[in-house]
């Protein structure tokens, strides 16, 4: 079985928490870590600077698409950043992710 981390950012902690709770409640994620970050990015011809909340969403790779859809449905941004990468890790921890995301 393959595992992934999905990364996204939100404009505030309330939105981040709503998304995180939904993902864990629906067993799409085992765990979501939230981190305040300073973001500098290009948007519509301007350079923007914002404080955002980054989410690190731990899940099975087979859940990446449903996680992405859930984020898009709940997100306030016109174009939310949603990226993912496959991970390896300690076997018991990965087994916990699997068990926490089995429906």
N, C-alpha and C. Protein backbone atom coordinates (compact mmCIF):
# COMPACT_ATOMS: atom_id res chain seq x y z
N UNK A 1 0.85 -1.18 0.00
CA UNK A 1 0.00 0.00 0.00
C UNK A 1 0.89 1.23 0.00
N UNK A 2 0.44 2.26 -0.72
CA UNK A 2 1.18 3.51 -0.83
C UNK A 2 0.49 4.57 0.05
N UNK A 3 1.31 5.48 0.55
CA UNK A 3 0.82 6.55 1.42
C UNK A 3 1.29 7.89 0.87
N UNK A 4 0.54 8.94 1.18
CA UNK A 4 0.84 10.27 0.66
C UNK A 4 0.59 11.33 1.71
N UNK A 5 1.21 12.48 1.49
CA UNK A 5 0.87 13.70 2.21
C UNK A 5 0.29 14.66 1.17
N UNK A 6 -0.87 15.22 1.49
CA UNK A 6 -1.47 16.25 0.67
C UNK A 6 -1.24 17.57 1.40
N UNK A 7 -0.78 18.56 0.66
CA UNK A 7 -0.47 19.88 1.22
C UNK A 7 -1.44 20.89 0.62
N UNK A 8 -2.00 21.72 1.47
CA UNK A 8 -2.79 22.86 1.02
C UNK A 8 -2.61 24.00 2.01
N UNK A 9 -3.05 25.18 1.63
CA UNK A 9 -3.03 26.33 2.54
C UNK A 9 -4.42 26.93 2.60
N UNK A 10 -4.73 27.57 3.72
CA UNK A 10 -6.00 28.27 3.89
C UNK A 10 -5.73 29.67 4.40
N UNK A 11 -6.74 30.51 4.32
CA UNK A 11 -6.58 31.90 4.73
C UNK A 11 -6.67 32.13 6.23
N UNK A 12 -7.22 31.14 6.96
CA UNK A 12 -7.33 31.32 8.41
C UNK A 12 -7.48 29.97 9.10
N UNK A 13 -7.33 29.99 10.42
CA UNK A 13 -7.36 28.75 11.19
C UNK A 13 -8.75 28.12 11.23
N UNK A 14 -9.80 28.93 11.24
CA UNK A 14 -11.15 28.36 11.25
C UNK A 14 -11.41 27.52 10.01
N UNK A 15 -11.05 28.03 8.86
CA UNK A 15 -11.23 27.27 7.62
C UNK A 15 -10.36 26.01 7.63
N UNK A 16 -9.13 26.13 8.09
CA UNK A 16 -8.23 24.98 8.18
C UNK A 16 -8.83 23.90 9.07
N UNK A 17 -9.37 24.30 10.21
CA UNK A 17 -9.96 23.33 11.14
C UNK A 17 -11.20 22.65 10.55
N UNK A 18 -12.04 23.42 9.86
CA UNK A 18 -13.22 22.83 9.23
C UNK A 18 -12.83 21.76 8.23
N UNK A 19 -11.85 22.06 7.40
CA UNK A 19 -11.38 21.10 6.40
C UNK A 19 -10.76 19.89 7.09
N UNK A 20 -9.91 20.13 8.07
CA UNK A 20 -9.23 19.04 8.78
C UNK A 20 -10.23 18.10 9.45
N UNK A 21 -11.20 18.66 10.18
CA UNK A 21 -12.19 17.82 10.85
C UNK A 21 -12.98 17.00 9.85
N UNK A 22 -13.40 17.60 8.74
CA UNK A 22 -14.17 16.87 7.74
C UNK A 22 -13.36 15.70 7.17
N UNK A 23 -12.08 15.94 6.86
CA UNK A 23 -11.25 14.89 6.28
C UNK A 23 -11.06 13.72 7.25
N UNK A 24 -10.85 14.03 8.52
CA UNK A 24 -10.65 12.96 9.52
C UNK A 24 -11.99 12.26 9.80
N UNK A 25 -13.06 13.03 9.93
CA UNK A 25 -14.38 12.42 10.18
C UNK A 25 -14.79 11.47 9.06
N UNK A 26 -14.48 11.83 7.83
CA UNK A 26 -14.85 11.00 6.68
C UNK A 26 -13.83 9.90 6.39
N UNK A 27 -12.83 9.79 7.26
CA UNK A 27 -11.77 8.79 7.12
C UNK A 27 -10.99 8.95 5.82
N UNK A 28 -10.91 10.18 5.33
CA UNK A 28 -10.08 10.47 4.17
C UNK A 28 -8.65 10.78 4.60
N UNK A 29 -8.48 11.10 5.89
CA UNK A 29 -7.15 11.39 6.44
C UNK A 29 -7.05 10.79 7.83
N UNK A 30 -5.86 10.35 8.17
CA UNK A 30 -5.61 9.86 9.53
C UNK A 30 -5.29 11.02 10.46
N UNK A 31 -4.63 12.03 9.91
CA UNK A 31 -4.14 13.15 10.72
C UNK A 31 -3.93 14.35 9.82
N UNK A 32 -4.21 15.53 10.35
CA UNK A 32 -3.94 16.77 9.63
C UNK A 32 -3.17 17.69 10.58
N UNK A 33 -1.96 18.05 10.18
CA UNK A 33 -1.17 19.01 10.94
C UNK A 33 -1.39 20.39 10.35
N UNK A 34 -1.52 21.41 11.22
CA UNK A 34 -1.73 22.79 10.78
C UNK A 34 -0.56 23.64 11.26
N UNK A 35 -0.03 24.44 10.33
CA UNK A 35 1.14 25.26 10.63
C UNK A 35 0.91 26.68 10.10
N UNK A 36 1.08 27.72 10.93
CA UNK A 36 1.02 29.08 10.39
C UNK A 36 2.27 29.34 9.55
N UNK A 37 2.07 29.96 8.38
CA UNK A 37 3.19 30.25 7.49
C UNK A 37 3.03 31.64 6.88
N UNK A 38 4.13 32.23 6.47
CA UNK A 38 4.12 33.47 5.70
C UNK A 38 4.27 33.07 4.24
N UNK A 39 3.34 33.49 3.41
CA UNK A 39 3.37 33.14 1.99
C UNK A 39 3.57 34.38 1.14
N UNK A 40 4.45 34.29 0.18
CA UNK A 40 4.66 35.33 -0.83
C UNK A 40 4.45 34.64 -2.17
N UNK A 41 3.53 35.19 -2.99
CA UNK A 41 3.18 34.50 -4.22
C UNK A 41 2.71 35.50 -5.27
N UNK A 42 2.78 35.07 -6.52
CA UNK A 42 2.29 35.88 -7.64
C UNK A 42 0.83 35.55 -7.87
N UNK A 43 -0.01 36.58 -7.98
CA UNK A 43 -1.43 36.37 -8.25
C UNK A 43 -1.98 37.53 -9.06
N UNK A 44 -2.51 37.22 -10.23
CA UNK A 44 -3.13 38.20 -11.11
C UNK A 44 -2.23 39.42 -11.36
N UNK A 45 -0.95 39.16 -11.65
CA UNK A 45 -0.01 40.21 -11.99
C UNK A 45 0.61 40.95 -10.82
N UNK A 46 0.27 40.59 -9.61
CA UNK A 46 0.80 41.24 -8.41
C UNK A 46 1.57 40.25 -7.57
N UNK A 47 2.46 40.77 -6.74
CA UNK A 47 3.12 39.94 -5.74
C UNK A 47 2.39 40.17 -4.42
N UNK A 48 1.87 39.10 -3.87
CA UNK A 48 1.07 39.16 -2.65
C UNK A 48 1.83 38.57 -1.48
N UNK A 49 1.50 39.03 -0.29
CA UNK A 49 2.06 38.47 0.94
C UNK A 49 0.93 38.27 1.94
N UNK A 50 0.80 37.05 2.44
CA UNK A 50 -0.27 36.72 3.37
C UNK A 50 0.24 35.77 4.45
N UNK A 51 -0.40 35.82 5.60
CA UNK A 51 -0.20 34.78 6.61
C UNK A 51 -1.29 33.74 6.35
N UNK A 52 -0.89 32.50 6.18
CA UNK A 52 -1.82 31.42 5.88
C UNK A 52 -1.61 30.29 6.88
N UNK A 53 -2.51 29.34 6.83
CA UNK A 53 -2.38 28.11 7.60
C UNK A 53 -2.13 26.98 6.60
N UNK A 54 -0.98 26.31 6.73
CA UNK A 54 -0.65 25.18 5.87
C UNK A 54 -1.17 23.91 6.52
N UNK A 55 -1.74 23.02 5.71
CA UNK A 55 -2.22 21.74 6.19
C UNK A 55 -1.37 20.63 5.58
N UNK A 56 -0.89 19.73 6.41
CA UNK A 56 -0.21 18.50 5.99
C UNK A 56 -1.16 17.36 6.30
N UNK A 57 -1.71 16.77 5.26
CA UNK A 57 -2.77 15.77 5.39
C UNK A 57 -2.18 14.40 5.11
N UNK A 58 -2.19 13.53 6.12
CA UNK A 58 -1.60 12.19 5.99
C UNK A 58 -2.69 11.20 5.62
N UNK A 59 -2.48 10.47 4.52
CA UNK A 59 -3.51 9.59 4.01
C UNK A 59 -2.94 8.49 3.15
N UNK A 60 -3.80 7.57 2.73
CA UNK A 60 -3.43 6.57 1.73
C UNK A 60 -3.40 7.26 0.37
N UNK A 61 -2.51 6.83 -0.49
CA UNK A 61 -2.44 7.43 -1.83
C UNK A 61 -3.75 7.29 -2.58
N UNK A 62 -4.49 6.22 -2.34
CA UNK A 62 -5.78 6.04 -3.02
C UNK A 62 -6.81 7.08 -2.59
N UNK A 63 -6.55 7.81 -1.50
CA UNK A 63 -7.46 8.85 -1.04
C UNK A 63 -7.11 10.25 -1.55
N UNK A 64 -6.03 10.39 -2.30
CA UNK A 64 -5.60 11.73 -2.72
C UNK A 64 -6.70 12.43 -3.53
N UNK A 65 -7.33 11.75 -4.46
CA UNK A 65 -8.37 12.39 -5.27
C UNK A 65 -9.59 12.78 -4.42
N UNK A 66 -10.12 11.90 -3.56
CA UNK A 66 -11.25 12.34 -2.71
C UNK A 66 -10.86 13.47 -1.75
N UNK A 67 -9.63 13.46 -1.24
CA UNK A 67 -9.16 14.56 -0.39
C UNK A 67 -9.16 15.86 -1.19
N UNK A 68 -8.64 15.79 -2.40
CA UNK A 68 -8.59 16.97 -3.27
C UNK A 68 -9.99 17.51 -3.52
N UNK A 69 -10.95 16.64 -3.81
CA UNK A 69 -12.32 17.08 -4.06
C UNK A 69 -12.94 17.72 -2.82
N UNK A 70 -12.70 17.14 -1.66
CA UNK A 70 -13.23 17.70 -0.42
C UNK A 70 -12.65 19.10 -0.18
N UNK A 71 -11.35 19.25 -0.36
CA UNK A 71 -10.73 20.57 -0.18
C UNK A 71 -11.35 21.58 -1.13
N UNK A 72 -11.48 21.22 -2.40
CA UNK A 72 -12.06 22.15 -3.39
C UNK A 72 -13.49 22.56 -3.01
N UNK A 73 -14.28 21.61 -2.51
CA UNK A 73 -15.66 21.92 -2.13
C UNK A 73 -15.74 22.87 -0.94
N UNK A 74 -14.79 22.76 -0.01
CA UNK A 74 -14.86 23.53 1.23
C UNK A 74 -14.03 24.81 1.22
N UNK A 75 -13.13 24.96 0.28
CA UNK A 75 -12.12 26.02 0.30
C UNK A 75 -12.68 27.35 -0.18
N UNK A 76 -12.23 28.43 0.43
CA UNK A 76 -12.68 29.77 0.05
C UNK A 76 -11.85 30.36 -1.09
N UNK A 77 -10.67 29.82 -1.37
CA UNK A 77 -9.83 30.38 -2.43
C UNK A 77 -10.37 30.00 -3.81
N UNK A 78 -10.20 30.91 -4.75
CA UNK A 78 -10.56 30.64 -6.14
C UNK A 78 -9.71 29.50 -6.70
N UNK A 79 -8.43 29.48 -6.34
CA UNK A 79 -7.51 28.44 -6.80
C UNK A 79 -6.66 27.97 -5.62
N UNK A 80 -7.18 27.03 -4.83
CA UNK A 80 -6.39 26.55 -3.68
C UNK A 80 -5.17 25.75 -4.15
N UNK A 81 -4.08 25.93 -3.44
CA UNK A 81 -2.88 25.12 -3.70
C UNK A 81 -3.15 23.73 -3.13
N UNK A 82 -3.10 22.73 -3.97
CA UNK A 82 -3.27 21.35 -3.53
C UNK A 82 -2.22 20.53 -4.23
N UNK A 83 -1.23 20.06 -3.46
CA UNK A 83 -0.18 19.21 -4.03
C UNK A 83 -0.02 17.99 -3.13
N UNK A 84 0.53 16.94 -3.69
CA UNK A 84 0.73 15.73 -2.89
C UNK A 84 2.02 15.06 -3.31
N UNK A 85 2.54 14.28 -2.39
CA UNK A 85 3.71 13.45 -2.69
C UNK A 85 3.61 12.16 -1.90
N UNK A 86 4.18 11.12 -2.48
CA UNK A 86 4.19 9.82 -1.83
C UNK A 86 5.22 9.83 -0.70
N UNK A 87 4.92 9.08 0.35
CA UNK A 87 5.83 9.04 1.50
C UNK A 87 6.15 7.60 1.87
N UNK A 88 7.26 7.45 2.55
CA UNK A 88 7.63 6.21 3.22
C UNK A 88 7.79 6.55 4.68
N UNK A 89 7.76 5.54 5.53
CA UNK A 89 7.91 5.84 6.94
C UNK A 89 7.96 4.58 7.78
N UNK A 90 7.94 4.79 9.06
CA UNK A 90 7.98 3.70 10.03
C UNK A 90 6.73 2.84 9.84
N UNK A 91 6.91 1.55 9.74
CA UNK A 91 5.83 0.63 9.36
C UNK A 91 4.60 0.71 10.28
N UNK A 92 4.80 0.79 11.58
CA UNK A 92 3.64 0.85 12.49
C UNK A 92 2.86 2.14 12.29
N UNK A 93 3.57 3.23 12.05
CA UNK A 93 2.88 4.50 11.82
C UNK A 93 2.08 4.45 10.53
N UNK A 94 2.66 3.90 9.47
CA UNK A 94 1.94 3.77 8.21
C UNK A 94 0.73 2.85 8.37
N UNK A 95 0.87 1.81 9.17
CA UNK A 95 -0.26 0.92 9.44
C UNK A 95 -1.37 1.68 10.17
N UNK A 96 -1.00 2.59 11.06
CA UNK A 96 -1.99 3.42 11.75
C UNK A 96 -2.73 4.29 10.74
N UNK A 97 -2.00 4.90 9.78
CA UNK A 97 -2.66 5.69 8.75
C UNK A 97 -3.65 4.81 7.98
N UNK A 98 -3.22 3.61 7.59
CA UNK A 98 -4.10 2.70 6.85
C UNK A 98 -5.35 2.40 7.67
N UNK A 99 -5.16 2.00 8.91
CA UNK A 99 -6.30 1.65 9.75
C UNK A 99 -7.24 2.81 10.02
N UNK A 100 -6.69 4.00 10.13
CA UNK A 100 -7.51 5.19 10.41
C UNK A 100 -8.28 5.67 9.19
N UNK A 101 -7.88 5.22 8.02
CA UNK A 101 -8.55 5.66 6.79
C UNK A 101 -9.34 4.54 6.12
N UNK A 102 -9.37 3.35 6.72
CA UNK A 102 -10.21 2.27 6.21
C UNK A 102 -11.65 2.53 6.61
N UNK A 103 -12.55 2.44 5.66
CA UNK A 103 -13.96 2.72 5.95
C UNK A 103 -14.71 1.46 6.32
